Amino acid sequence: QVQLVESGGGLVQAGGSLRLSCAASGSIFRINSMGWYRQAPGKQRELVAGLISGLETNYEESVKGRFTISRDNAKNTVYLQMNSLKPEDTAVYYCNADIMINMYRGGLYWGQGTQVTVSS
C-alpha cells in the first residue's frame, strides 16, 4: 500500500510563509513525478506546482516567484515553500504522485489534503 501524507498547513497572515511537506511511503519502486494541487471552496482543483524527474518544474501563473517546489529523493518527500502568501491562496492543498509499485504496475496517488488559510 502506498500512502501520501501532507503536513505543514495552517493559518497565516497575508505576506507570511508556510512550508508544506508530503511524504510517500509503502511499496514504492519508483516515483516518476510529484506535485501539489489545491482546491478552494466552490473552485475546481488546480495544479499549483509539479516536479518531474526531480528537475523540470511547472507552476501555476499566480504563484510564480512566490512558491517553490522541491524534492528529497532519499526521503520520498516533496515540499512546497510558499512565500508572500495572499488570501487567494487559501485552499486545501493536496499532494499528488505518479508512483510505480513494481516494474509493471503503478498509478496516481493522492494525499488527504492539508488546509492553508491566509488572512488579510
N, C-alpha and C. Protein backbone atom coordinates (compact mmCIF):
# COMPACT_ATOMS: atom_id res chain seq x y z
N GLN A 1 0.83 -1.19 0.00
CA GLN A 1 0.00 0.00 0.00
C GLN A 1 0.87 1.25 0.00
N VAL A 2 0.53 2.18 -0.88
CA VAL A 2 1.23 3.45 -0.96
C VAL A 2 0.40 4.51 -0.26
N GLN A 3 1.06 5.33 0.50
CA GLN A 3 0.38 6.39 1.21
C GLN A 3 1.15 7.70 1.07
N LEU A 4 0.40 8.78 0.84
CA LEU A 4 0.97 10.11 0.81
C LEU A 4 0.40 10.90 1.98
N VAL A 5 1.26 11.48 2.77
CA VAL A 5 0.83 12.23 3.94
C VAL A 5 1.36 13.65 3.86
N GLU A 6 0.44 14.62 3.82
CA GLU A 6 0.81 16.03 3.80
C GLU A 6 0.86 16.60 5.20
N SER A 7 1.66 17.62 5.36
CA SER A 7 1.73 18.34 6.62
C SER A 7 2.23 19.75 6.35
N GLY A 8 2.06 20.63 7.32
CA GLY A 8 2.60 21.97 7.22
C GLY A 8 1.58 23.06 6.98
N GLY A 9 0.33 22.69 6.76
CA GLY A 9 -0.70 23.69 6.55
C GLY A 9 -1.03 24.41 7.84
N GLY A 10 -1.79 25.47 7.71
CA GLY A 10 -2.16 26.24 8.88
C GLY A 10 -2.72 27.59 8.52
N LEU A 11 -2.82 28.43 9.52
CA LEU A 11 -3.34 29.78 9.37
C LEU A 11 -2.19 30.77 9.41
N VAL A 12 -2.14 31.64 8.42
CA VAL A 12 -1.07 32.63 8.35
C VAL A 12 -1.62 33.94 7.81
N GLN A 13 -1.02 35.03 8.21
CA GLN A 13 -1.43 36.33 7.70
C GLN A 13 -0.85 36.58 6.32
N ALA A 14 -1.52 37.42 5.56
CA ALA A 14 -1.03 37.78 4.24
C ALA A 14 0.41 38.27 4.33
N GLY A 15 1.23 37.80 3.39
CA GLY A 15 2.63 38.14 3.39
C GLY A 15 3.50 37.14 4.11
N GLY A 16 2.88 36.23 4.83
CA GLY A 16 3.62 35.23 5.57
C GLY A 16 4.02 34.05 4.71
N SER A 17 4.61 33.06 5.37
CA SER A 17 5.13 31.89 4.66
C SER A 17 4.71 30.60 5.35
N LEU A 18 4.61 29.55 4.55
CA LEU A 18 4.39 28.21 5.04
C LEU A 18 5.19 27.25 4.18
N ARG A 19 5.57 26.13 4.77
CA ARG A 19 6.27 25.10 4.03
C ARG A 19 5.50 23.79 4.17
N LEU A 20 4.96 23.31 3.07
CA LEU A 20 4.23 22.06 3.06
C LEU A 20 5.15 20.90 2.74
N SER A 21 4.87 19.76 3.36
CA SER A 21 5.63 18.56 3.11
C SER A 21 4.69 17.43 2.73
N CYS A 22 5.16 16.55 1.89
CA CYS A 22 4.40 15.37 1.50
C CYS A 22 5.35 14.19 1.44
N ALA A 23 5.14 13.24 2.31
CA ALA A 23 5.99 12.06 2.37
C ALA A 23 5.26 10.85 1.82
N ALA A 24 5.90 10.17 0.89
CA ALA A 24 5.34 8.95 0.32
C ALA A 24 5.96 7.74 1.01
N SER A 25 5.12 6.78 1.32
CA SER A 25 5.61 5.57 1.97
C SER A 25 4.85 4.36 1.45
N GLY A 26 5.39 3.18 1.72
CA GLY A 26 4.76 1.95 1.29
C GLY A 26 5.56 1.24 0.23
N SER A 27 4.87 0.50 -0.61
CA SER A 27 5.52 -0.30 -1.65
C SER A 27 5.84 0.58 -2.85
N ILE A 28 6.98 1.25 -2.78
CA ILE A 28 7.39 2.18 -3.83
C ILE A 28 8.59 1.63 -4.57
N PHE A 29 8.42 1.45 -5.86
CA PHE A 29 9.51 1.04 -6.72
C PHE A 29 10.21 2.26 -7.30
N ARG A 30 9.41 3.21 -7.77
CA ARG A 30 9.95 4.43 -8.34
C ARG A 30 8.87 5.51 -8.36
N ILE A 31 9.28 6.73 -8.06
CA ILE A 31 8.38 7.87 -8.16
C ILE A 31 8.74 8.65 -9.42
N ASN A 32 7.82 8.69 -10.37
CA ASN A 32 8.09 9.35 -11.64
C ASN A 32 7.94 10.87 -11.53
N SER A 33 6.96 11.30 -10.77
CA SER A 33 6.73 12.73 -10.61
C SER A 33 5.92 12.98 -9.35
N MET A 34 6.02 14.19 -8.85
CA MET A 34 5.23 14.60 -7.70
C MET A 34 4.78 16.03 -7.92
N GLY A 35 3.69 16.39 -7.29
CA GLY A 35 3.19 17.73 -7.46
C GLY A 35 2.22 18.13 -6.37
N TRP A 36 1.85 19.39 -6.41
CA TRP A 36 0.89 19.95 -5.47
C TRP A 36 -0.29 20.54 -6.21
N TYR A 37 -1.48 20.21 -5.74
CA TYR A 37 -2.72 20.76 -6.24
C TYR A 37 -3.41 21.49 -5.09
N ARG A 38 -4.36 22.33 -5.44
CA ARG A 38 -5.16 22.98 -4.41
C ARG A 38 -6.59 23.12 -4.88
N GLN A 39 -7.48 23.17 -3.92
CA GLN A 39 -8.89 23.34 -4.21
C GLN A 39 -9.51 24.28 -3.19
N ALA A 40 -9.98 25.41 -3.69
CA ALA A 40 -10.66 26.38 -2.85
C ALA A 40 -12.16 26.10 -2.89
N PRO A 41 -12.90 26.56 -1.88
CA PRO A 41 -14.34 26.34 -1.86
C PRO A 41 -15.01 26.84 -3.14
N GLY A 42 -15.81 25.99 -3.76
CA GLY A 42 -16.51 26.36 -4.97
C GLY A 42 -15.66 26.40 -6.22
N LYS A 43 -14.41 26.00 -6.11
CA LYS A 43 -13.50 26.02 -7.25
C LYS A 43 -13.06 24.62 -7.64
N GLN A 44 -12.59 24.49 -8.86
CA GLN A 44 -12.04 23.24 -9.33
C GLN A 44 -10.63 23.05 -8.78
N ARG A 45 -10.24 21.82 -8.62
CA ARG A 45 -8.88 21.54 -8.19
C ARG A 45 -7.91 21.93 -9.30
N GLU A 46 -6.85 22.63 -8.94
CA GLU A 46 -5.89 23.10 -9.92
C GLU A 46 -4.48 22.72 -9.53
N LEU A 47 -3.66 22.56 -10.54
CA LEU A 47 -2.25 22.28 -10.31
C LEU A 47 -1.55 23.55 -9.84
N VAL A 48 -0.85 23.44 -8.74
CA VAL A 48 -0.07 24.56 -8.21
C VAL A 48 1.37 24.47 -8.68
N ALA A 49 1.96 23.31 -8.50
CA ALA A 49 3.35 23.11 -8.89
C ALA A 49 3.60 21.64 -9.12
N GLY A 50 4.38 21.34 -10.13
CA GLY A 50 4.74 19.97 -10.44
C GLY A 50 6.24 19.83 -10.62
N LEU A 51 6.72 18.63 -10.32
CA LEU A 51 8.15 18.35 -10.43
C LEU A 51 8.32 16.98 -11.08
N ILE A 52 8.98 16.96 -12.22
CA ILE A 52 9.19 15.73 -12.97
C ILE A 52 10.66 15.35 -12.93
N SER A 53 10.93 14.12 -12.55
CA SER A 53 12.29 13.57 -12.51
C SER A 53 13.23 14.43 -11.68
N GLY A 54 12.68 15.17 -10.75
CA GLY A 54 13.48 15.99 -9.86
C GLY A 54 14.13 17.19 -10.51
N LEU A 55 13.74 17.50 -11.73
CA LEU A 55 14.39 18.60 -12.45
C LEU A 55 13.40 19.60 -13.03
N GLU A 56 12.54 19.15 -13.90
CA GLU A 56 11.61 20.03 -14.57
C GLU A 56 10.46 20.42 -13.65
N THR A 57 10.18 21.72 -13.61
CA THR A 57 9.11 22.22 -12.77
C THR A 57 8.07 22.95 -13.59
N ASN A 58 6.87 23.02 -13.04
CA ASN A 58 5.78 23.73 -13.66
C ASN A 58 4.96 24.38 -12.57
N TYR A 59 4.67 25.68 -12.73
CA TYR A 59 3.94 26.44 -11.72
C TYR A 59 2.70 27.10 -12.30
N GLU A 60 1.67 27.16 -11.48
CA GLU A 60 0.50 27.95 -11.83
C GLU A 60 0.94 29.42 -11.86
N GLU A 61 0.41 30.18 -12.80
CA GLU A 61 0.89 31.53 -13.04
C GLU A 61 0.85 32.42 -11.80
N SER A 62 -0.19 32.32 -11.01
CA SER A 62 -0.34 33.22 -9.88
C SER A 62 0.65 32.97 -8.74
N VAL A 63 1.31 31.82 -8.76
CA VAL A 63 2.25 31.51 -7.68
C VAL A 63 3.71 31.63 -8.11
N LYS A 64 3.94 31.88 -9.37
CA LYS A 64 5.31 32.00 -9.86
C LYS A 64 6.04 33.13 -9.13
N GLY A 65 7.24 32.84 -8.70
CA GLY A 65 8.02 33.82 -7.96
C GLY A 65 7.76 33.81 -6.48
N ARG A 66 6.70 33.14 -6.05
CA ARG A 66 6.36 33.08 -4.63
C ARG A 66 6.48 31.68 -4.05
N PHE A 67 6.14 30.68 -4.85
CA PHE A 67 6.17 29.29 -4.40
C PHE A 67 7.34 28.56 -5.04
N THR A 68 7.89 27.61 -4.32
CA THR A 68 8.96 26.78 -4.84
C THR A 68 8.71 25.32 -4.48
N ILE A 69 8.73 24.45 -5.48
CA ILE A 69 8.58 23.03 -5.24
C ILE A 69 9.96 22.38 -5.27
N SER A 70 10.17 21.45 -4.37
CA SER A 70 11.43 20.73 -4.32
C SER A 70 11.17 19.31 -3.85
N ARG A 71 12.17 18.46 -4.01
CA ARG A 71 12.00 17.06 -3.67
C ARG A 71 13.27 16.50 -3.05
N ASP A 72 13.09 15.68 -2.04
CA ASP A 72 14.17 14.95 -1.42
C ASP A 72 13.97 13.50 -1.82
N ASN A 73 14.72 13.04 -2.81
CA ASN A 73 14.53 11.69 -3.33
C ASN A 73 14.82 10.61 -2.28
N ALA A 74 15.79 10.85 -1.44
CA ALA A 74 16.15 9.87 -0.43
C ALA A 74 15.02 9.64 0.56
N LYS A 75 14.22 10.68 0.80
CA LYS A 75 13.12 10.59 1.75
C LYS A 75 11.77 10.39 1.09
N ASN A 76 11.75 10.33 -0.24
CA ASN A 76 10.49 10.23 -0.98
C ASN A 76 9.52 11.33 -0.55
N THR A 77 10.05 12.52 -0.43
CA THR A 77 9.28 13.64 0.07
C THR A 77 9.36 14.83 -0.88
N VAL A 78 8.23 15.48 -1.09
CA VAL A 78 8.17 16.69 -1.88
C VAL A 78 7.73 17.83 -0.98
N TYR A 79 8.27 19.02 -1.25
CA TYR A 79 7.97 20.18 -0.44
C TYR A 79 7.39 21.29 -1.30
N LEU A 80 6.65 22.15 -0.67
CA LEU A 80 6.17 23.36 -1.33
C LEU A 80 6.42 24.52 -0.38
N GLN A 81 7.42 25.32 -0.70
CA GLN A 81 7.70 26.52 0.06
C GLN A 81 6.84 27.64 -0.47
N MET A 82 6.01 28.21 0.37
CA MET A 82 5.08 29.25 -0.03
C MET A 82 5.42 30.54 0.69
N ASN A 83 5.83 31.52 -0.07
CA ASN A 83 6.17 32.83 0.47
C ASN A 83 5.20 33.88 -0.05
N SER A 84 5.19 35.02 0.62
CA SER A 84 4.33 36.14 0.22
C SER A 84 2.90 35.68 -0.02
N LEU A 85 2.38 34.93 0.92
CA LEU A 85 1.05 34.35 0.77
C LEU A 85 -0.03 35.43 0.70
N LYS A 86 -1.03 35.14 -0.10
CA LYS A 86 -2.15 36.03 -0.32
C LYS A 86 -3.45 35.33 0.08
N PRO A 87 -4.48 36.09 0.43
CA PRO A 87 -5.76 35.45 0.78
C PRO A 87 -6.27 34.51 -0.30
N GLU A 88 -6.03 34.83 -1.55
CA GLU A 88 -6.49 33.97 -2.63
C GLU A 88 -5.75 32.64 -2.71
N ASP A 89 -4.70 32.48 -1.93
CA ASP A 89 -4.01 31.20 -1.84
C ASP A 89 -4.74 30.23 -0.91
N THR A 90 -5.72 30.72 -0.19
CA THR A 90 -6.47 29.88 0.74
C THR A 90 -7.13 28.72 0.01
N ALA A 91 -6.85 27.51 0.46
CA ALA A 91 -7.38 26.31 -0.18
C ALA A 91 -6.90 25.09 0.59
N VAL A 92 -7.46 23.95 0.23
CA VAL A 92 -6.91 22.69 0.68
C VAL A 92 -5.86 22.27 -0.34
N TYR A 93 -4.67 22.00 0.13
CA TYR A 93 -3.58 21.62 -0.74
C TYR A 93 -3.37 20.12 -0.70
N TYR A 94 -3.29 19.53 -1.88
CA TYR A 94 -3.16 18.08 -2.00
C TYR A 94 -1.86 17.70 -2.68
N CYS A 95 -1.22 16.71 -2.15
CA CYS A 95 -0.04 16.14 -2.77
C CYS A 95 -0.47 15.07 -3.76
N ASN A 96 0.22 15.01 -4.87
CA ASN A 96 -0.05 14.02 -5.90
C ASN A 96 1.26 13.41 -6.37
N ALA A 97 1.24 12.12 -6.66
CA ALA A 97 2.45 11.47 -7.14
C ALA A 97 2.12 10.36 -8.11
N ASP A 98 2.94 10.26 -9.14
CA ASP A 98 2.89 9.15 -10.09
C ASP A 98 3.92 8.14 -9.60
N ILE A 99 3.42 7.02 -9.09
CA ILE A 99 4.29 6.05 -8.42
C ILE A 99 4.18 4.67 -9.04
N MET A 100 5.33 4.07 -9.31
CA MET A 100 5.39 2.68 -9.72
C MET A 100 5.62 1.83 -8.48
N ILE A 101 4.77 0.82 -8.26
CA ILE A 101 4.96 -0.05 -7.11
C ILE A 101 5.79 -1.28 -7.47
N ASN A 102 5.94 -1.54 -8.76
CA ASN A 102 6.85 -2.54 -9.28
C ASN A 102 7.15 -2.17 -10.73
N MET A 103 7.84 -3.04 -11.45
CA MET A 103 8.22 -2.72 -12.82
C MET A 103 7.05 -2.63 -13.78
N TYR A 104 5.89 -3.17 -13.39
CA TYR A 104 4.76 -3.25 -14.31
C TYR A 104 3.49 -2.55 -13.84
N ARG A 105 3.47 -2.10 -12.62
CA ARG A 105 2.24 -1.55 -12.07
C ARG A 105 2.48 -0.22 -11.37
N GLY A 106 1.60 0.71 -11.61
CA GLY A 106 1.69 1.99 -10.97
C GLY A 106 0.43 2.79 -11.19
N GLY A 107 0.45 4.02 -10.71
CA GLY A 107 -0.69 4.88 -10.86
C GLY A 107 -0.52 6.19 -10.13
N LEU A 108 -1.59 6.96 -10.12
CA LEU A 108 -1.59 8.25 -9.44
C LEU A 108 -2.14 8.10 -8.03
N TYR A 109 -1.45 8.72 -7.10
CA TYR A 109 -1.85 8.66 -5.70
C TYR A 109 -2.04 10.07 -5.16
N TRP A 110 -2.95 10.20 -4.22
CA TRP A 110 -3.28 11.49 -3.63
C TRP A 110 -3.16 11.44 -2.12
N GLY A 111 -2.72 12.55 -1.56
CA GLY A 111 -2.72 12.70 -0.12
C GLY A 111 -4.10 13.12 0.35
N GLN A 112 -4.25 13.22 1.66
CA GLN A 112 -5.55 13.55 2.24
C GLN A 112 -5.85 15.05 2.22
N GLY A 113 -4.85 15.85 1.97
CA GLY A 113 -5.02 17.29 1.92
C GLY A 113 -4.65 17.97 3.22
N THR A 114 -4.15 19.19 3.10
CA THR A 114 -3.84 20.00 4.26
C THR A 114 -4.36 21.41 4.01
N GLN A 115 -5.03 21.98 5.00
CA GLN A 115 -5.67 23.27 4.85
C GLN A 115 -4.67 24.40 5.01
N VAL A 116 -4.71 25.33 4.06
CA VAL A 116 -3.93 26.55 4.14
C VAL A 116 -4.91 27.72 4.13
N THR A 117 -4.86 28.53 5.16
CA THR A 117 -5.74 29.68 5.27
C THR A 117 -4.91 30.94 5.44
N VAL A 118 -5.11 31.89 4.55
CA VAL A 118 -4.36 33.14 4.59
C VAL A 118 -5.33 34.28 4.89
N SER A 119 -5.12 34.96 5.99
CA SER A 119 -5.98 36.06 6.38
C SER A 119 -5.43 37.38 5.89
N SER A 120 -6.31 38.32 5.62
CA SER A 120 -5.91 39.63 5.14
C SER A 120 -5.72 40.60 6.27
